Structure formats: structure tokens, C-alpha cells
Amino acid sequence: MPYKNPAAHRHEKRAYDAAYRQAHRPERLVYERAREPVRRPYRAAMAEILGRPLRPREIVHHINQRPKDNRRENLALFPNAGEHRSFHRLTKEIDSALMDSAEAAKDLS
């Protein structure tokens, strides 16, 4: 059955969609958490190494993949998440190539 007033229906649907998003998505929680600064020791360690506060988009990477190891030689800084992803893609490709060459060498011997 068609609605008598389609404009009113659109308004109700928008209100429902907004309420659904607010109730079922964590965006609101992320916004509320962003108001309170969360202390991350690895970011504090990198800021101390650099002698300046980190920019919000900068990513601190743990070279040995252990998040609790915040030694200077274990931390690397990426300007943004895209660069960090590219680094991981590249290292994955290199690891794969090394494994393939090790298997080929094993087959020859």
C-alpha cells in the first residue's frame, strides 16, 4: 500500500536510520573516546626520541612485532597508515620470495 505522504515517510526513515546507526555502530564510542587522551607508551617513547609531539596520523611501528618492547632501536615512525601498510606488504612479499628461494635451494640439494 503506497504511503499517503511520501515526504513524511522519508523523514521517518531518515530518523530511524540515524537512530540505528547511533545504536549499532561504534562511531559514537570512538568519538567519545577521542575526547579523553589515551596514553600509549610507544607513542610517548617515540615523541621523546623525536623531541616533539607526534602528529595524529603518524604511526609508530614495532620492528620485532612486540608491542610492549618500546626500546629506541625497535621503534620506527611512518607518516601515515598508507605508508605503514605499504611497508607490511613489501616485507610480506620479500618474506615470500625468500621462502620460495629457500625451498628451491632445498630441492636442488
Protein backbone atom coordinates (compact mmCIF):
# COMPACT_ATOMS: atom_id res chain seq x y z
CA MET A 1 0.00 0.00 0.00
CA PRO A 2 1.58 3.32 -1.02
CA TYR A 3 2.15 5.97 1.62
CA LYS A 4 -0.19 8.95 1.54
CA ASN A 5 2.63 11.39 2.24
CA PRO A 6 5.97 10.16 0.79
CA ALA A 7 7.88 13.14 2.25
CA ALA A 8 6.80 12.20 5.78
CA HIS A 9 7.87 8.61 5.14
CA ARG A 10 11.35 9.77 4.03
CA HIS A 11 11.68 11.82 7.20
CA GLU A 12 10.68 8.85 9.39
CA LYS A 13 13.10 6.60 7.52
CA ARG A 14 15.96 9.08 7.98
CA ALA A 15 15.21 9.35 11.69
CA TYR A 16 15.10 5.56 12.00
CA ASP A 17 18.35 5.13 10.04
CA ALA A 18 20.10 7.72 12.21
CA ALA A 19 18.90 6.01 15.40
CA TYR A 20 20.03 2.63 14.04
CA ARG A 21 23.48 3.93 13.16
CA GLN A 22 23.85 5.52 16.56
CA ALA A 23 22.80 2.33 18.36
CA HIS A 24 24.58 -0.28 16.22
CA ARG A 25 27.83 1.30 15.11
CA PRO A 26 30.82 2.09 17.27
CA GLU A 27 31.42 5.51 15.65
CA ARG A 28 29.87 7.29 18.62
CA LEU A 29 32.06 5.36 21.04
CA VAL A 30 35.18 6.24 19.06
CA TYR A 31 34.21 9.92 19.18
CA GLU A 32 33.62 9.78 22.93
CA ARG A 33 36.94 8.03 23.48
CA ALA A 34 38.73 10.63 21.38
CA ARG A 35 37.77 13.33 23.87
CA GLU A 36 39.87 11.71 26.59
CA PRO A 37 43.53 11.31 25.71
CA VAL A 38 44.62 7.68 25.84
CA ARG A 39 48.22 7.19 26.88
CA ARG A 40 50.06 4.80 24.61
CA PRO A 41 53.58 4.18 25.89
CA TYR A 42 55.04 3.52 22.45
CA ARG A 43 53.78 6.90 21.17
CA ALA A 44 55.20 8.62 24.25
CA ALA A 45 58.54 6.83 23.70
CA MET A 46 58.67 7.92 20.04
CA ALA A 47 57.76 11.50 20.96
CA GLU A 48 60.63 11.51 23.46
CA ILE A 49 63.03 10.15 20.83
CA LEU A 50 61.98 12.81 18.31
CA GLY A 51 61.81 15.61 20.85
CA ARG A 52 58.37 16.70 19.65
CA PRO A 53 54.76 15.51 19.97
CA LEU A 54 53.58 13.07 17.33
CA ARG A 55 51.09 14.17 14.71
CA PRO A 56 47.75 12.34 14.92
CA ARG A 57 48.25 10.49 11.62
CA GLU A 58 51.78 9.29 12.36
CA ILE A 59 52.08 5.55 13.03
CA VAL A 60 54.62 4.01 15.38
CA HIS A 61 55.73 0.55 14.21
CA HIS A 62 57.37 -2.10 16.39
CA ILE A 63 60.08 -3.70 14.28
CA ASN A 64 60.12 -7.00 16.18
CA GLN A 65 56.27 -7.09 16.31
CA ARG A 66 56.24 -6.99 20.14
CA PRO A 67 54.05 -4.06 21.23
CA LYS A 68 55.49 -3.95 24.75
CA ASP A 69 59.08 -3.59 23.51
CA ASN A 70 59.46 0.19 23.35
CA ARG A 71 63.24 0.39 23.02
CA ARG A 72 64.56 3.06 20.67
CA GLU A 73 66.03 0.51 18.24
CA ASN A 74 62.69 -1.33 18.00
CA LEU A 75 60.53 1.65 17.00
CA ALA A 76 60.00 3.06 13.51
CA LEU A 77 57.82 6.01 12.50
CA PHE A 78 55.57 6.16 9.44
CA PRO A 79 53.93 9.42 8.31
CA ASN A 80 50.52 7.76 7.80
CA ALA A 81 48.69 4.43 7.76
CA GLY A 82 49.12 4.03 3.99
CA GLU A 83 52.90 4.06 4.25
CA HIS A 84 52.71 1.59 7.14
CA ARG A 85 50.51 -0.76 5.07
CA SER A 86 52.89 -0.48 2.11
CA PHE A 87 55.79 -1.44 4.36
CA HIS A 88 53.95 -4.54 5.58
CA ARG A 89 53.00 -5.53 2.01
CA LEU A 90 56.61 -5.17 0.90
CA THR A 91 58.02 -7.18 3.81
CA LYS A 92 55.41 -9.90 3.18
CA GLU A 93 56.47 -10.11 -0.48
CA ILE A 94 60.15 -10.27 0.47
CA ASP A 95 59.50 -12.99 3.06
CA SER A 96 57.53 -14.96 0.47
CA ALA A 97 60.32 -14.65 -2.10
CA LEU A 98 62.91 -15.75 0.46
CA MET A 99 60.83 -18.78 1.42
CA ASP A 100 60.42 -19.72 -2.25
CA SER A 101 64.16 -19.44 -2.89
CA ALA A 102 64.94 -21.47 0.25
CA GLU A 103 62.58 -24.23 -0.92
CA ALA A 104 64.16 -24.17 -4.40
CA ALA A 105 67.63 -24.46 -2.89
CA LYS A 106 66.47 -27.35 -0.72
CA ASP A 107 65.08 -29.14 -3.81
CA LEU A 108 68.43 -28.77 -5.63
CA SER A 109 70.45 -30.37 -2.86
